[in-house]
Amino acid sequence: MTEFKVLSLFEREDFALKVVSLLRLMDFNGEASIDCGTCTCNYNSMGRDIV
């Protein structure tokens, strides 16, 4: 069960990175991060800066 949760976390993190990369490529402003609000919270709680 724990292993599945860890794997799921990594999959979500990978997806979040792809979303952020796409937003950067398309040159969205900061407001675009509302679309990935939960991802932003997760990254901030892990001490990472996605801006």
PDB file of N, CA and C in Angstrom:
ATOM      1  N   MET A   1       0.837  -1.201   0.000  1.00  0.00           N
ATOM      2  CA  MET A   1       0.000   0.000   0.000  1.00  0.00           C
ATOM      3  C   MET A   1       0.876   1.258   0.000  1.00  0.00           C
ATOM      4  N   THR A   2       1.877   1.272   0.861  1.00  0.00           N
ATOM      5  CA  THR A   2       2.765   2.433   0.928  1.00  0.00           C
ATOM      6  C   THR A   2       3.514   2.621  -0.387  1.00  0.00           C
ATOM      7  N   GLU A   3       3.972   1.513  -0.967  1.00  0.00           N
ATOM      8  CA  GLU A   3       4.703   1.595  -2.231  1.00  0.00           C
ATOM      9  C   GLU A   3       3.832   2.194  -3.327  1.00  0.00           C
ATOM     10  N   PHE A   4       2.554   1.827  -3.336  1.00  0.00           N
ATOM     11  CA  PHE A   4       1.639   2.371  -4.340  1.00  0.00           C
ATOM     12  C   PHE A   4       1.481   3.877  -4.159  1.00  0.00           C
ATOM     13  N   LYS A   5       1.382   4.319  -2.908  1.00  0.00           N
ATOM     14  CA  LYS A   5       1.240   5.757  -2.644  1.00  0.00           C
ATOM     15  C   LYS A   5       2.484   6.514  -3.098  1.00  0.00           C
ATOM     16  N   VAL A   6       3.640   5.958  -2.861  1.00  0.00           N
ATOM     17  CA  VAL A   6       4.890   6.597  -3.278  1.00  0.00           C
ATOM     18  C   VAL A   6       4.952   6.680  -4.796  1.00  0.00           C
ATOM     19  N   LEU A   7       4.600   5.601  -5.468  1.00  0.00           N
ATOM     20  CA  LEU A   7       4.601   5.575  -6.929  1.00  0.00           C
ATOM     21  C   LEU A   7       3.618   6.605  -7.465  1.00  0.00           C
ATOM     22  N   SER A   8       2.445   6.657  -6.846  1.00  0.00           N
ATOM     23  CA  SER A   8       1.420   7.611  -7.265  1.00  0.00           C
ATOM     24  C   SER A   8       1.926   9.041  -7.100  1.00  0.00           C
ATOM     25  N   LEU A   9       2.641   9.309  -6.022  1.00  0.00           N
ATOM     26  CA  LEU A   9       3.188  10.646  -5.779  1.00  0.00           C
ATOM     27  C   LEU A   9       4.167  11.026  -6.888  1.00  0.00           C
ATOM     28  N   PHE A  10       5.044  10.091  -7.254  1.00  0.00           N
ATOM     29  CA  PHE A  10       6.016  10.375  -8.313  1.00  0.00           C
ATOM     30  C   PHE A  10       5.323  10.606  -9.648  1.00  0.00           C
ATOM     31  N   GLU A  11       4.268   9.841  -9.923  1.00  0.00           N
ATOM     32  CA  GLU A  11       3.536  10.022 -11.176  1.00  0.00           C
ATOM     33  C   GLU A  11       2.894  11.398 -11.217  1.00  0.00           C
ATOM     34  N   ARG A  12       2.316  11.829 -10.096  1.00  0.00           N
ATOM     35  CA  ARG A  12       1.693  13.155 -10.047  1.00  0.00           C
ATOM     36  C   ARG A  12       2.753  14.234 -10.185  1.00  0.00           C
ATOM     37  N   GLU A  13       3.896  14.031  -9.582  1.00  0.00           N
ATOM     38  CA  GLU A  13       4.973  15.020  -9.668  1.00  0.00           C
ATOM     39  C   GLU A  13       5.454  15.141 -11.111  1.00  0.00           C
ATOM     40  N   ASP A  14       5.590  14.004 -11.780  1.00  0.00           N
ATOM     41  CA  ASP A  14       6.009  14.003 -13.184  1.00  0.00           C
ATOM     42  C   ASP A  14       4.983  14.739 -14.038  1.00  0.00           C
ATOM     43  N   PHE A  15       3.704  14.503 -13.775  1.00  0.00           N
ATOM     44  CA  PHE A  15       2.639  15.188 -14.514  1.00  0.00           C
ATOM     45  C   PHE A  15       2.687  16.688 -14.247  1.00  0.00           C
ATOM     46  N   ALA A  16       2.901  17.054 -12.991  1.00  0.00           N
ATOM     47  CA  ALA A  16       2.976  18.477 -12.624  1.00  0.00           C
ATOM     48  C   ALA A  16       4.135  19.157 -13.358  1.00  0.00           C
ATOM     49  N   LEU A  17       5.262  18.480 -13.439  1.00  0.00           N
ATOM     50  CA  LEU A  17       6.416  19.038 -14.151  1.00  0.00           C
ATOM     51  C   LEU A  17       6.096  19.254 -15.625  1.00  0.00           C
ATOM     52  N   LYS A  18       5.376  18.306 -16.228  1.00  0.00           N
ATOM     53  CA  LYS A  18       4.994  18.440 -17.640  1.00  0.00           C
ATOM     54  C   LYS A  18       4.055  19.623 -17.831  1.00  0.00           C
ATOM     55  N   VAL A  19       3.091  19.770 -16.920  1.00  0.00           N
ATOM     56  CA  VAL A  19       2.144  20.888 -17.010  1.00  0.00           C
ATOM     57  C   VAL A  19       2.885  22.211 -16.898  1.00  0.00           C
ATOM     58  N   VAL A  20       3.771  22.312 -15.914  1.00  0.00           N
ATOM     59  CA  VAL A  20       4.533  23.548 -15.706  1.00  0.00           C
ATOM     60  C   VAL A  20       5.410  23.847 -16.918  1.00  0.00           C
ATOM     61  N   SER A  21       6.036  22.811 -17.470  1.00  0.00           N
ATOM     62  CA  SER A  21       6.878  23.001 -18.653  1.00  0.00           C
ATOM     63  C   SER A  21       6.065  23.514 -19.832  1.00  0.00           C
ATOM     64  N   LEU A  22       4.863  22.951 -20.016  1.00  0.00           N
ATOM     65  CA  LEU A  22       3.993  23.405 -21.104  1.00  0.00           C
ATOM     66  C   LEU A  22       3.587  24.855 -20.897  1.00  0.00           C
ATOM     67  N   LEU A  23       3.247  25.203 -19.660  1.00  0.00           N
ATOM     68  CA  LEU A  23       2.851  26.586 -19.373  1.00  0.00           C
ATOM     69  C   LEU A  23       3.999  27.545 -19.680  1.00  0.00           C
ATOM     70  N   ARG A  24       5.220  27.128 -19.343  1.00  0.00           N
ATOM     71  CA  ARG A  24       6.384  27.985 -19.618  1.00  0.00           C
ATOM     72  C   ARG A  24       6.608  28.120 -21.118  1.00  0.00           C
ATOM     73  N   LEU A  25       6.495  27.009 -21.841  1.00  0.00           N
ATOM     74  CA  LEU A  25       6.694  27.026 -23.294  1.00  0.00           C
ATOM     75  C   LEU A  25       5.685  27.944 -23.972  1.00  0.00           C
ATOM     76  N   MET A  26       4.455  27.935 -23.479  1.00  0.00           N
ATOM     77  CA  MET A  26       3.401  28.746 -24.068  1.00  0.00           C
ATOM     78  C   MET A  26       3.412  30.172 -23.520  1.00  0.00           C
ATOM     79  N   ASP A  27       4.384  30.448 -22.631  1.00  0.00           N
ATOM     80  CA  ASP A  27       4.597  31.794 -22.102  1.00  0.00           C
ATOM     81  C   ASP A  27       3.363  32.364 -21.407  1.00  0.00           C
ATOM     82  N   PHE A  28       2.735  31.540 -20.562  1.00  0.00           N
ATOM     83  CA  PHE A  28       1.619  32.021 -19.753  1.00  0.00           C
ATOM     84  C   PHE A  28       2.145  32.896 -18.624  1.00  0.00           C
ATOM     85  N   ASN A  29       1.308  33.781 -18.137  1.00  0.00           N
ATOM     86  CA  ASN A  29       1.689  34.583 -16.972  1.00  0.00           C
ATOM     87  C   ASN A  29       1.388  33.795 -15.695  1.00  0.00           C
ATOM     88  N   GLY A  30       1.677  34.376 -14.532  1.00  0.00           N
ATOM     89  CA  GLY A  30       1.512  33.684 -13.256  1.00  0.00           C
ATOM     90  C   GLY A  30       0.101  33.198 -12.997  1.00  0.00           C
ATOM     91  N   GLU A  31      -0.890  33.855 -13.562  1.00  0.00           N
ATOM     92  CA  GLU A  31      -2.278  33.480 -13.319  1.00  0.00           C
ATOM     93  C   GLU A  31      -2.603  32.094 -13.861  1.00  0.00           C
ATOM     94  N   ALA A  32      -1.830  31.633 -14.816  1.00  0.00           N
ATOM     95  CA  ALA A  32      -2.075  30.321 -15.414  1.00  0.00           C
ATOM     96  C   ALA A  32      -1.867  29.197 -14.402  1.00  0.00           C
ATOM     97  N   SER A  33      -1.078  29.449 -13.353  1.00  0.00           N
ATOM     98  CA  SER A  33      -0.813  28.416 -12.358  1.00  0.00           C
ATOM     99  C   SER A  33      -2.059  28.061 -11.552  1.00  0.00           C
ATOM    100  N   ILE A  34      -3.131  28.856 -11.676  1.00  0.00           N
ATOM    101  CA  ILE A  34      -4.400  28.529 -11.020  1.00  0.00           C
ATOM    102  C   ILE A  34      -4.902  27.178 -11.534  1.00  0.00           C
ATOM    103  N   ASP A  35      -4.632  26.884 -12.805  1.00  0.00           N
ATOM    104  CA  ASP A  35      -5.053  25.617 -13.402  1.00  0.00           C
ATOM    105  C   ASP A  35      -4.426  24.427 -12.680  1.00  0.00           C
ATOM    106  N   CYS A  36      -3.272  24.643 -12.076  1.00  0.00           N
ATOM    107  CA  CYS A  36      -2.599  23.552 -11.369  1.00  0.00           C
ATOM    108  C   CYS A  36      -2.377  23.965  -9.914  1.00  0.00           C
ATOM    109  N   GLY A  37      -3.428  24.479  -9.290  1.00  0.00           N
ATOM    110  CA  GLY A  37      -3.327  24.975  -7.916  1.00  0.00           C
ATOM    111  C   GLY A  37      -2.831  23.924  -6.939  1.00  0.00           C
ATOM    112  N   THR A  38      -3.333  22.682  -7.056  1.00  0.00           N
ATOM    113  CA  THR A  38      -2.909  21.629  -6.138  1.00  0.00           C
ATOM    114  C   THR A  38      -1.444  21.291  -6.350  1.00  0.00           C
ATOM    115  N   CYS A  39      -1.004  21.306  -7.603  1.00  0.00           N
ATOM    116  CA  CYS A  39       0.404  21.016  -7.893  1.00  0.00           C
ATOM    117  C   CYS A  39       1.297  22.077  -7.252  1.00  0.00           C
ATOM    118  N   THR A  40       0.872  23.328  -7.356  1.00  0.00           N
ATOM    119  CA  THR A  40       1.643  24.424  -6.779  1.00  0.00           C
ATOM    120  C   THR A  40       1.772  24.239  -5.271  1.00  0.00           C
ATOM    121  N   CYS A  41       0.680  23.864  -4.621  1.00  0.00           N
ATOM    122  CA  CYS A  41       0.704  23.644  -3.172  1.00  0.00           C
ATOM    123  C   CYS A  41       1.658  22.507  -2.828  1.00  0.00           C
ATOM    124  N   ASN A  42       1.596  21.428  -3.592  1.00  0.00           N
ATOM    125  CA  ASN A  42       2.467  20.284  -3.346  1.00  0.00           C
ATOM    126  C   ASN A  42       3.935  20.672  -3.479  1.00  0.00           C
ATOM    127  N   TYR A  43       4.250  21.410  -4.521  1.00  0.00           N
ATOM    128  CA  TYR A  43       5.640  21.807  -4.738  1.00  0.00           C
ATOM    129  C   TYR A  43       6.112  22.760  -3.648  1.00  0.00           C
ATOM    130  N   ASN A  44       5.255  23.701  -3.244  1.00  0.00           N
ATOM    131  CA  ASN A  44       5.633  24.628  -2.188  1.00  0.00           C
ATOM    132  C   ASN A  44       5.865  23.885  -0.877  1.00  0.00           C
ATOM    133  N   SER A  45       5.038  22.876  -0.579  1.00  0.00           N
ATOM    134  CA  SER A  45       5.195  22.126   0.662  1.00  0.00           C
ATOM    135  C   SER A  45       6.467  21.283   0.642  1.00  0.00           C
ATOM    136  N   MET A  46       6.952  20.951  -0.557  1.00  0.00           N
ATOM    137  CA  MET A  46       8.194  20.187  -0.679  1.00  0.00           C
ATOM    138  C   MET A  46       9.402  21.111  -0.777  1.00  0.00           C
ATOM    139  N   GLY A  47       9.159  22.412  -0.670  1.00  0.00           N
ATOM    140  CA  GLY A  47      10.261  23.361  -0.707  1.00  0.00           C
ATOM    141  C   GLY A  47      10.777  23.626  -2.101  1.00  0.00           C
ATOM    142  N   ARG A  48       9.953  23.375  -3.115  1.00  0.00           N
ATOM    143  CA  ARG A  48      10.393  23.616  -4.490  1.00  0.00           C
ATOM    144  C   ARG A  48       9.696  24.845  -5.039  1.00  0.00           C
ATOM    145  N   ASP A  49      10.379  25.539  -5.892  1.00  0.00           N
ATOM    146  CA  ASP A  49       9.826  26.751  -6.498  1.00  0.00           C
ATOM    147  C   ASP A  49       9.563  26.477  -7.965  1.00  0.00           C
ATOM    148  N   ILE A  50       8.296  26.530  -8.370  1.00  0.00           N
ATOM    149  CA  ILE A  50       7.963  26.229  -9.764  1.00  0.00           C
ATOM    150  C   ILE A  50       7.747  27.489 -10.577  1.00  0.00           C
ATOM    151  N   VAL A  51       7.897  28.644  -9.953  1.00  0.00           N
ATOM    152  CA  VAL A  51       7.650  29.899 -10.679  1.00  0.00           C
ATOM    153  C   VAL A  51       8.886  30.244 -11.503  1.00  0.00           C
TER     154      VAL A  51
END
